[in-house]
Amino acid sequence: MPCRARVAKGFTQEKLAFEADVVRIYIRRLVDEHKSPTVEVMFRICRALVIPVSVLIARVEQYNDG
């Protein structure tokens, strides 16, 4: 889910997990689409990446639309 923004920011999965205060395996499961984030975690990830939640949601919508 947050791959492009994470890479653009120069964060590893571990760094994003630390900044968002979640465990790294949680981030990995989001990337692998084995887990969906809670609203709270989405806000944490967006704060860590310094992007609005609406931007993240729009990117997910674009991804899902093909």
PDB file of N, CA and C in Angstrom:
ATOM      1  N   MET A   1       0.813  -1.199   0.000  1.00  0.00           N
ATOM      2  CA  MET A   1       0.000   0.000   0.000  1.00  0.00           C
ATOM      3  C   MET A   1       0.859   1.267   0.000  1.00  0.00           C
ATOM      4  N   PRO A   2       1.683   1.522   1.002  1.00  0.00           N
ATOM      5  CA  PRO A   2       2.422   2.781   1.032  1.00  0.00           C
ATOM      6  C   PRO A   2       3.781   2.731   0.358  1.00  0.00           C
ATOM      7  N   CYS A   3       3.993   1.794  -0.579  1.00  0.00           N
ATOM      8  CA  CYS A   3       5.326   1.560  -1.145  1.00  0.00           C
ATOM      9  C   CYS A   3       5.926   2.771  -1.839  1.00  0.00           C
ATOM     10  N   ARG A   4       5.216   3.348  -2.797  1.00  0.00           N
ATOM     11  CA  ARG A   4       5.802   4.463  -3.556  1.00  0.00           C
ATOM     12  C   ARG A   4       6.157   5.627  -2.655  1.00  0.00           C
ATOM     13  N   ALA A   5       5.268   5.981  -1.759  1.00  0.00           N
ATOM     14  CA  ALA A   5       5.535   7.095  -0.846  1.00  0.00           C
ATOM     15  C   ALA A   5       6.682   6.753   0.096  1.00  0.00           C
ATOM     16  N   ARG A   6       6.727   5.510   0.537  1.00  0.00           N
ATOM     17  CA  ARG A   6       7.802   5.077   1.444  1.00  0.00           C
ATOM     18  C   ARG A   6       9.149   5.152   0.738  1.00  0.00           C
ATOM     19  N   VAL A   7       9.213   4.639  -0.477  1.00  0.00           N
ATOM     20  CA  VAL A   7      10.458   4.649  -1.237  1.00  0.00           C
ATOM     21  C   VAL A   7      10.864   6.088  -1.571  1.00  0.00           C
ATOM     22  N   ALA A   8       9.903   6.914  -1.962  1.00  0.00           N
ATOM     23  CA  ALA A   8      10.200   8.313  -2.276  1.00  0.00           C
ATOM     24  C   ALA A   8      10.772   9.045  -1.068  1.00  0.00           C
ATOM     25  N   LYS A   9      10.301   8.671   0.098  1.00  0.00           N
ATOM     26  CA  LYS A   9      10.780   9.290   1.340  1.00  0.00           C
ATOM     27  C   LYS A   9      12.144   8.723   1.754  1.00  0.00           C
ATOM     28  N   GLY A  10      12.533   7.596   1.141  1.00  0.00           N
ATOM     29  CA  GLY A  10      13.808   6.969   1.482  1.00  0.00           C
ATOM     30  C   GLY A  10      13.725   6.089   2.716  1.00  0.00           C
ATOM     31  N   PHE A  11      12.494   5.663   3.046  1.00  0.00           N
ATOM     32  CA  PHE A  11      12.290   4.827   4.234  1.00  0.00           C
ATOM     33  C   PHE A  11      12.345   3.348   3.859  1.00  0.00           C
ATOM     34  N   THR A  12      12.962   2.569   4.707  1.00  0.00           N
ATOM     35  CA  THR A  12      12.824   1.123   4.629  1.00  0.00           C
ATOM     36  C   THR A  12      11.505   0.764   5.312  1.00  0.00           C
ATOM     37  N   GLN A  13      11.093  -0.482   5.158  1.00  0.00           N
ATOM     38  CA  GLN A  13       9.899  -0.920   5.894  1.00  0.00           C
ATOM     39  C   GLN A  13      10.128  -0.767   7.389  1.00  0.00           C
ATOM     40  N   GLU A  14      11.325  -1.068   7.831  1.00  0.00           N
ATOM     41  CA  GLU A  14      11.639  -0.959   9.256  1.00  0.00           C
ATOM     42  C   GLU A  14      11.552   0.489   9.741  1.00  0.00           C
ATOM     43  N   LYS A  15      12.079   1.422   8.954  1.00  0.00           N
ATOM     44  CA  LYS A  15      12.030   2.839   9.332  1.00  0.00           C
ATOM     45  C   LYS A  15      10.585   3.338   9.363  1.00  0.00           C
ATOM     46  N   LEU A  16       9.784   2.954   8.367  1.00  0.00           N
ATOM     47  CA  LEU A  16       8.381   3.359   8.366  1.00  0.00           C
ATOM     48  C   LEU A  16       7.655   2.790   9.576  1.00  0.00           C
ATOM     49  N   ALA A  17       7.900   1.545   9.868  1.00  0.00           N
ATOM     50  CA  ALA A  17       7.267   0.922  11.036  1.00  0.00           C
ATOM     51  C   ALA A  17       7.625   1.680  12.303  1.00  0.00           C
ATOM     52  N   PHE A  18       8.894   2.029  12.440  1.00  0.00           N
ATOM     53  CA  PHE A  18       9.341   2.772  13.621  1.00  0.00           C
ATOM     54  C   PHE A  18       8.637   4.130  13.695  1.00  0.00           C
ATOM     55  N   GLU A  19       8.644   4.850  12.575  1.00  0.00           N
ATOM     56  CA  GLU A  19       8.041   6.195  12.556  1.00  0.00           C
ATOM     57  C   GLU A  19       6.529   6.155  12.776  1.00  0.00           C
ATOM     58  N   ALA A  20       5.877   5.084  12.316  1.00  0.00           N
ATOM     59  CA  ALA A  20       4.425   4.963  12.466  1.00  0.00           C
ATOM     60  C   ALA A  20       4.044   4.230  13.753  1.00  0.00           C
ATOM     61  N   ASP A  21       5.035   3.787  14.502  1.00  0.00           N
ATOM     62  CA  ASP A  21       4.829   3.087  15.766  1.00  0.00           C
ATOM     63  C   ASP A  21       4.015   1.795  15.590  1.00  0.00           C
ATOM     64  N   VAL A  22       4.432   1.005  14.593  1.00  0.00           N
ATOM     65  CA  VAL A  22       3.874  -0.328  14.383  1.00  0.00           C
ATOM     66  C   VAL A  22       5.048  -1.288  14.180  1.00  0.00           C
ATOM     67  N   VAL A  23       4.785  -2.561  14.242  1.00  0.00           N
ATOM     68  CA  VAL A  23       5.868  -3.523  14.032  1.00  0.00           C
ATOM     69  C   VAL A  23       6.117  -3.688  12.532  1.00  0.00           C
ATOM     70  N   ARG A  24       7.357  -4.009  12.168  1.00  0.00           N
ATOM     71  CA  ARG A  24       7.738  -4.113  10.763  1.00  0.00           C
ATOM     72  C   ARG A  24       6.915  -5.157  10.016  1.00  0.00           C
ATOM     73  N   ILE A  25       6.632  -6.267  10.664  1.00  0.00           N
ATOM     74  CA  ILE A  25       5.869  -7.321   9.997  1.00  0.00           C
ATOM     75  C   ILE A  25       4.481  -6.818   9.600  1.00  0.00           C
ATOM     76  N   TYR A  26       3.921  -5.884  10.356  1.00  0.00           N
ATOM     77  CA  TYR A  26       2.623  -5.278  10.002  1.00  0.00           C
ATOM     78  C   TYR A  26       2.740  -4.539   8.671  1.00  0.00           C
ATOM     79  N   ILE A  27       3.802  -3.758   8.517  1.00  0.00           N
ATOM     80  CA  ILE A  27       4.035  -3.047   7.263  1.00  0.00           C
ATOM     81  C   ILE A  27       4.202  -4.055   6.129  1.00  0.00           C
ATOM     82  N   ARG A  28       4.967  -5.108   6.372  1.00  0.00           N
ATOM     83  CA  ARG A  28       5.183  -6.143   5.354  1.00  0.00           C
ATOM     84  C   ARG A  28       3.858  -6.774   4.913  1.00  0.00           C
ATOM     85  N   ARG A  29       2.994  -7.044   5.874  1.00  0.00           N
ATOM     86  CA  ARG A  29       1.695  -7.658   5.559  1.00  0.00           C
ATOM     87  C   ARG A  29       0.797  -6.695   4.780  1.00  0.00           C
ATOM     88  N   LEU A  30       0.932  -5.396   5.035  1.00  0.00           N
ATOM     89  CA  LEU A  30       0.195  -4.408   4.245  1.00  0.00           C
ATOM     90  C   LEU A  30       0.701  -4.410   2.808  1.00  0.00           C
ATOM     91  N   VAL A  31       2.012  -4.420   2.647  1.00  0.00           N
ATOM     92  CA  VAL A  31       2.619  -4.417   1.320  1.00  0.00           C
ATOM     93  C   VAL A  31       2.212  -5.659   0.539  1.00  0.00           C
ATOM     94  N   ASP A  32       2.192  -6.793   1.204  1.00  0.00           N
ATOM     95  CA  ASP A  32       1.827  -8.059   0.560  1.00  0.00           C
ATOM     96  C   ASP A  32       0.315  -8.226   0.403  1.00  0.00           C
ATOM     97  N   GLU A  33      -0.439  -7.225   0.854  1.00  0.00           N
ATOM     98  CA  GLU A  33      -1.901  -7.230   0.794  1.00  0.00           C
ATOM     99  C   GLU A  33      -2.524  -8.386   1.574  1.00  0.00           C
ATOM    100  N   HIS A  34      -1.866  -8.775   2.659  1.00  0.00           N
ATOM    101  CA  HIS A  34      -2.407  -9.804   3.545  1.00  0.00           C
ATOM    102  C   HIS A  34      -3.134  -9.172   4.729  1.00  0.00           C
ATOM    103  N   LYS A  35      -3.059  -7.868   4.824  1.00  0.00           N
ATOM    104  CA  LYS A  35      -3.678  -7.151   5.928  1.00  0.00           C
ATOM    105  C   LYS A  35      -4.144  -5.803   5.408  1.00  0.00           C
ATOM    106  N   SER A  36      -5.225  -5.295   5.971  1.00  0.00           N
ATOM    107  CA  SER A  36      -5.692  -3.938   5.689  1.00  0.00           C
ATOM    108  C   SER A  36      -5.469  -3.110   6.942  1.00  0.00           C
ATOM    109  N   PRO A  37      -5.028  -1.872   6.783  1.00  0.00           N
ATOM    110  CA  PRO A  37      -4.750  -1.060   7.964  1.00  0.00           C
ATOM    111  C   PRO A  37      -6.026  -0.551   8.622  1.00  0.00           C
ATOM    112  N   THR A  38      -5.946  -0.365   9.907  1.00  0.00           N
ATOM    113  CA  THR A  38      -7.034   0.330  10.590  1.00  0.00           C
ATOM    114  C   THR A  38      -6.926   1.808  10.223  1.00  0.00           C
ATOM    115  N   VAL A  39      -7.969   2.560  10.488  1.00  0.00           N
ATOM    116  CA  VAL A  39      -7.943   3.995  10.218  1.00  0.00           C
ATOM    117  C   VAL A  39      -6.827   4.647  11.031  1.00  0.00           C
ATOM    118  N   GLU A  40      -6.685   4.237  12.269  1.00  0.00           N
ATOM    119  CA  GLU A  40      -5.628   4.795  13.124  1.00  0.00           C
ATOM    120  C   GLU A  40      -4.252   4.559  12.520  1.00  0.00           C
ATOM    121  N   VAL A  41      -3.995   3.347  12.051  1.00  0.00           N
ATOM    122  CA  VAL A  41      -2.692   3.031  11.464  1.00  0.00           C
ATOM    123  C   VAL A  41      -2.499   3.800  10.162  1.00  0.00           C
ATOM    124  N   MET A  42      -3.563   3.965   9.377  1.00  0.00           N
ATOM    125  CA  MET A  42      -3.443   4.757   8.153  1.00  0.00           C
ATOM    126  C   MET A  42      -2.992   6.178   8.469  1.00  0.00           C
ATOM    127  N   PHE A  43      -3.565   6.759   9.499  1.00  0.00           N
ATOM    128  CA  PHE A  43      -3.162   8.113   9.891  1.00  0.00           C
ATOM    129  C   PHE A  43      -1.714   8.130  10.373  1.00  0.00           C
ATOM    130  N   ARG A  44      -1.297   7.131  11.119  1.00  0.00           N
ATOM    131  CA  ARG A  44       0.096   7.062  11.590  1.00  0.00           C
ATOM    132  C   ARG A  44       1.072   6.965  10.422  1.00  0.00           C
ATOM    133  N   ILE A  45       0.736   6.104   9.477  1.00  0.00           N
ATOM    134  CA  ILE A  45       1.601   5.929   8.304  1.00  0.00           C
ATOM    135  C   ILE A  45       1.685   7.237   7.517  1.00  0.00           C
ATOM    136  N   CYS A  46       0.557   7.878   7.318  1.00  0.00           N
ATOM    137  CA  CYS A  46       0.547   9.134   6.574  1.00  0.00           C
ATOM    138  C   CYS A  46       1.312  10.235   7.304  1.00  0.00           C
ATOM    139  N   ARG A  47       1.189  10.288   8.602  1.00  0.00           N
ATOM    140  CA  ARG A  47       1.970  11.266   9.362  1.00  0.00           C
ATOM    141  C   ARG A  47       3.454  10.996   9.195  1.00  0.00           C
ATOM    142  N   ALA A  48       3.847   9.734   9.265  1.00  0.00           N
ATOM    143  CA  ALA A  48       5.258   9.359   9.118  1.00  0.00           C
ATOM    144  C   ALA A  48       5.776   9.721   7.728  1.00  0.00           C
ATOM    145  N   LEU A  49       4.929   9.559   6.707  1.00  0.00           N
ATOM    146  CA  LEU A  49       5.327   9.836   5.332  1.00  0.00           C
ATOM    147  C   LEU A  49       5.079  11.290   4.919  1.00  0.00           C
ATOM    148  N   VAL A  50       4.438  12.040   5.802  1.00  0.00           N
ATOM    149  CA  VAL A  50       4.082  13.440   5.569  1.00  0.00           C
ATOM    150  C   VAL A  50       3.253  13.583   4.286  1.00  0.00           C
ATOM    151  N   ILE A  51       2.199  12.769   4.216  1.00  0.00           N
ATOM    152  CA  ILE A  51       1.229  12.887   3.126  1.00  0.00           C
ATOM    153  C   ILE A  51      -0.174  12.850   3.732  1.00  0.00           C
ATOM    154  N   PRO A  52      -1.121  13.542   3.113  1.00  0.00           N
ATOM    155  CA  PRO A  52      -2.492  13.499   3.610  1.00  0.00           C
ATOM    156  C   PRO A  52      -3.098  12.103   3.403  1.00  0.00           C
ATOM    157  N   VAL A  53      -3.949  11.700   4.300  1.00  0.00           N
ATOM    158  CA  VAL A  53      -4.633  10.410   4.170  1.00  0.00           C
ATOM    159  C   VAL A  53      -5.404  10.362   2.857  1.00  0.00           C
ATOM    160  N   SER A  54      -5.981  11.477   2.456  1.00  0.00           N
ATOM    161  CA  SER A  54      -6.748  11.510   1.204  1.00  0.00           C
ATOM    162  C   SER A  54      -5.874  11.152   0.001  1.00  0.00           C
ATOM    163  N   VAL A  55      -4.615  11.525   0.016  1.00  0.00           N
ATOM    164  CA  VAL A  55      -3.694  11.180  -1.073  1.00  0.00           C
ATOM    165  C   VAL A  55      -3.454   9.678  -1.092  1.00  0.00           C
ATOM    166  N   LEU A  56      -3.250   9.099   0.083  1.00  0.00           N
ATOM    167  CA  LEU A  56      -3.040   7.654   0.170  1.00  0.00           C
ATOM    168  C   LEU A  56      -4.266   6.900  -0.338  1.00  0.00           C
ATOM    169  N   ILE A  57      -5.440   7.335   0.073  1.00  0.00           N
ATOM    170  CA  ILE A  57      -6.674   6.674  -0.356  1.00  0.00           C
ATOM    171  C   ILE A  57      -6.847   6.809  -1.868  1.00  0.00           C
ATOM    172  N   ALA A  58      -6.552   7.977  -2.420  1.00  0.00           N
ATOM    173  CA  ALA A  58      -6.664   8.179  -3.871  1.00  0.00           C
ATOM    174  C   ALA A  58      -5.706   7.251  -4.615  1.00  0.00           C
ATOM    175  N   ARG A  59      -4.509   7.066  -4.087  1.00  0.00           N
ATOM    176  CA  ARG A  59      -3.547   6.168  -4.733  1.00  0.00           C
ATOM    177  C   ARG A  59      -4.034   4.721  -4.692  1.00  0.00           C
ATOM    178  N   VAL A  60      -4.627   4.330  -3.586  1.00  0.00           N
ATOM    179  CA  VAL A  60      -5.165   2.971  -3.478  1.00  0.00           C
ATOM    180  C   VAL A  60      -6.317   2.799  -4.463  1.00  0.00           C
ATOM    181  N   GLU A  61      -7.174   3.809  -4.589  1.00  0.00           N
ATOM    182  CA  GLU A  61      -8.277   3.735  -5.546  1.00  0.00           C
ATOM    183  C   GLU A  61      -7.759   3.583  -6.969  1.00  0.00           C
ATOM    184  N   GLN A  62      -6.730   4.358  -7.323  1.00  0.00           N
ATOM    185  CA  GLN A  62      -6.147   4.267  -8.661  1.00  0.00           C
ATOM    186  C   GLN A  62      -5.568   2.884  -8.890  1.00  0.00           C
ATOM    187  N   TYR A  63      -4.879   2.356  -7.894  1.00  0.00           N
ATOM    188  CA  TYR A  63      -4.274   1.023  -7.996  1.00  0.00           C
ATOM    189  C   TYR A  63      -5.348  -0.039  -8.211  1.00  0.00           C
ATOM    190  N   ASN A  64      -6.425   0.067  -7.470  1.00  0.00           N
ATOM    191  CA  ASN A  64      -7.504  -0.937  -7.563  1.00  0.00           C
ATOM    192  C   ASN A  64      -8.311  -0.815  -8.851  1.00  0.00           C
ATOM    193  N   ASP A  65      -8.317   0.372  -9.439  1.00  0.00           N
ATOM    194  CA  ASP A  65      -9.048   0.559 -10.703  1.00  0.00           C
ATOM    195  C   ASP A  65      -8.252   0.061 -11.901  1.00  0.00           C
ATOM    196  N   GLY A  66      -7.024  -0.334 -11.670  1.00  0.00           N
ATOM    197  CA  GLY A  66      -6.234  -0.921 -12.742  1.00  0.00           C
ATOM    198  C   GLY A  66      -5.234   0.013 -13.261  1.00  0.00           C
TER     199      GLY A  66
END
